[in-house]
């Protein structure tokens, strides 16, 4: 018995190895739609595939997952479901990609004023470390000093 008394239809899904006969809510763009907790265990979302060390590998989604949020601005979310059988292992990063990532992270830790690696990510609004930013705020503007001397 369906606990939510929702009308469901049987659908056959081929996951790459076997044909699964499961109940779905309906169809959207030709793909079966499942609710939260209703999808077969052999179908995973992109984030679940990533957590398992897999990627879709160019395969099209097999089904859709629809779930609701408690937040008022996000009523329903639709996620694509991919077959575990058709998924490929994640490709490791090449040495050039690793060097580029290392250089980008180094640039985020470098202060533009003093040019030192400060060991933390500098704010993107100022691109300065806290020491340089504090010194800039503490130093009075030389033009302001000149204007006060001329006025006196």
Protein backbone atom coordinates (compact mmCIF):
# COMPACT_ATOMS: atom_id res chain seq x y z
CA UNK A 1 0.00 0.00 0.00
CA UNK A 2 1.30 3.43 -0.91
CA UNK A 3 1.67 5.35 2.38
CA UNK A 4 1.05 8.70 0.70
CA UNK A 5 -1.87 7.42 -1.41
CA UNK A 6 -0.17 8.85 -4.45
CA UNK A 7 -0.98 7.40 -7.83
CA UNK A 8 2.08 5.64 -9.13
CA UNK A 9 2.75 3.88 -12.41
CA UNK A 10 5.05 0.95 -13.08
CA UNK A 11 8.00 1.79 -15.31
CA UNK A 12 10.87 -0.28 -16.67
CA UNK A 13 14.31 1.30 -16.34
CA UNK A 14 17.43 -0.16 -17.93
CA UNK A 15 20.40 0.69 -15.73
CA UNK A 16 23.05 -0.69 -18.07
CA UNK A 17 22.98 -4.23 -16.76
CA UNK A 18 19.42 -5.17 -15.79
CA UNK A 19 15.87 -3.99 -16.39
CA UNK A 20 14.26 -2.65 -13.22
CA UNK A 21 10.49 -2.49 -12.82
CA UNK A 22 9.69 0.22 -10.29
CA UNK A 23 6.85 2.57 -9.43
CA UNK A 24 7.21 6.24 -10.37
CA UNK A 25 5.12 9.39 -9.89
CA UNK A 26 4.85 10.14 -13.58
CA UNK A 27 6.94 11.41 -16.45
CA UNK A 28 8.63 14.74 -17.16
CA UNK A 29 10.33 15.29 -20.52
CA UNK A 30 10.06 11.57 -21.19
CA UNK A 31 11.94 10.61 -17.99
CA UNK A 32 10.31 8.86 -15.01
CA UNK A 33 9.97 11.03 -11.91
CA UNK A 34 10.67 9.68 -8.43
CA UNK A 35 10.05 11.26 -5.05
CA UNK A 36 12.52 11.44 -2.18
CA UNK A 37 13.35 7.90 -1.05
CA UNK A 38 11.45 6.26 -3.91
CA UNK A 39 14.25 5.91 -6.48
CA UNK A 40 16.05 2.58 -6.94
CA UNK A 41 19.45 2.24 -5.27
CA UNK A 42 21.20 1.87 -8.65
CA UNK A 43 20.28 5.44 -9.64
CA UNK A 44 22.34 8.26 -8.12
CA UNK A 45 22.50 12.06 -8.46
CA UNK A 46 25.67 13.86 -9.63
CA UNK A 47 26.72 14.68 -6.08
CA UNK A 48 26.20 11.06 -4.98
CA UNK A 49 28.25 9.87 -7.96
CA UNK A 50 31.00 12.37 -7.05
CA UNK A 51 31.01 11.11 -3.45
CA UNK A 52 31.43 7.55 -4.77
CA UNK A 53 34.37 8.61 -6.96
CA UNK A 54 32.36 8.31 -10.20
CA UNK A 55 31.19 10.62 -12.99
CA UNK A 56 28.30 10.32 -15.47
CA UNK A 57 30.78 9.97 -18.34
CA UNK A 58 28.57 11.59 -20.97
CA UNK A 59 25.60 9.33 -20.24
CA UNK A 60 22.18 10.91 -20.32
CA UNK A 61 20.07 10.92 -17.15
CA UNK A 62 17.87 7.88 -16.71
CA UNK A 63 15.29 9.44 -14.37
CA UNK A 64 14.50 12.55 -12.32
CA UNK A 65 14.28 13.03 -8.56
CA UNK A 66 11.85 15.61 -7.17
CA UNK A 67 12.07 16.75 -3.56
CA UNK A 68 10.73 19.66 -1.54
CA UNK A 69 12.56 22.12 0.69
CA UNK A 70 11.44 23.58 3.96
CA UNK A 71 12.68 26.96 2.79
CA UNK A 72 9.91 29.08 1.26
CA UNK A 73 11.95 30.33 -1.70
CA UNK A 74 12.85 26.80 -2.91
CA UNK A 75 9.57 24.96 -3.38
CA UNK A 76 10.65 21.92 -5.38
CA UNK A 77 14.01 20.85 -6.73
CA UNK A 78 14.53 18.48 -9.63
CA UNK A 79 17.76 16.48 -9.80
CA UNK A 80 18.89 14.17 -12.57
CA UNK A 81 19.47 10.52 -11.72
CA UNK A 82 22.23 8.56 -13.47
CA UNK A 83 22.88 4.84 -13.62
CA UNK A 84 25.72 3.51 -11.48
CA UNK A 85 26.39 0.81 -14.07
CA UNK A 86 27.04 3.36 -16.84
CA UNK A 87 29.12 5.69 -14.63
CA UNK A 88 32.87 5.95 -15.18
CA UNK A 89 35.60 6.50 -12.58
CA UNK A 90 36.77 10.04 -11.89
CA UNK A 91 39.80 11.14 -13.87
CA UNK A 92 42.70 12.30 -11.70
CA UNK A 93 44.00 15.85 -12.20
CA UNK A 94 47.00 16.20 -14.49
CA UNK A 95 50.26 17.69 -13.14
CA UNK A 96 49.59 20.90 -15.12
CA UNK A 97 46.14 21.23 -13.55
CA UNK A 98 47.60 20.71 -10.08
CA UNK A 99 50.24 23.39 -10.72
CA UNK A 100 47.55 25.82 -11.91
CA UNK A 101 45.43 25.18 -8.81
CA UNK A 102 48.45 25.61 -6.54
CA UNK A 103 49.35 28.92 -8.25
CA UNK A 104 45.76 30.21 -7.96
CA UNK A 105 45.60 29.37 -4.25
CA UNK A 106 49.01 31.00 -3.72
CA UNK A 107 47.73 34.19 -5.39
CA UNK A 108 44.73 34.24 -3.04
CA UNK A 109 47.11 34.20 -0.03
CA UNK A 110 49.43 36.93 -1.32
CA UNK A 111 48.94 40.54 -0.21
CA UNK A 112 49.11 43.00 -3.10
CA UNK A 113 50.58 45.76 -0.95
CA UNK A 114 53.47 43.98 0.77
CA UNK A 115 53.68 41.00 -1.60
CA UNK A 116 54.01 38.42 1.19
CA UNK A 117 52.26 35.06 1.60
CA UNK A 118 50.26 35.71 4.76
CA UNK A 119 49.08 32.11 5.28
CA UNK A 120 45.38 32.88 4.92
CA UNK A 121 43.15 34.03 2.08
CA UNK A 122 43.19 37.82 1.86
CA UNK A 123 39.81 39.56 1.43
CA UNK A 124 38.83 39.91 -2.22
CA UNK A 125 37.51 43.44 -1.63
CA UNK A 126 40.92 44.88 -0.70
CA UNK A 127 43.47 42.18 -1.69
CA UNK A 128 45.47 43.29 1.36
CA UNK A 129 46.53 41.45 4.50
CA UNK A 130 45.14 42.65 7.82
CA UNK A 131 48.42 44.33 8.73
CA UNK A 132 48.56 46.46 5.57
CA UNK A 133 44.86 47.23 5.73
CA UNK A 134 45.14 48.32 9.37
CA UNK A 135 48.20 50.47 8.63
CA UNK A 136 46.38 52.15 5.75
CA UNK A 137 43.42 52.99 7.99
CA UNK A 138 45.67 54.25 10.84
CA UNK A 139 47.80 56.55 8.68
CA UNK A 140 46.21 59.93 8.11
CA UNK A 141 45.91 61.18 4.56
CA UNK A 142 48.89 63.47 3.74
CA UNK A 143 46.63 65.78 1.73
CA UNK A 144 44.41 66.28 4.78
CA UNK A 145 47.43 67.29 6.91
CA UNK A 146 48.53 69.78 4.26
CA UNK A 147 45.07 71.35 4.10
CA UNK A 148 44.91 71.79 7.89
CA UNK A 149 48.37 73.42 7.99
CA UNK A 150 47.45 75.89 5.22
CA UNK A 151 44.20 76.80 6.94
CA UNK A 152 45.97 77.50 10.24
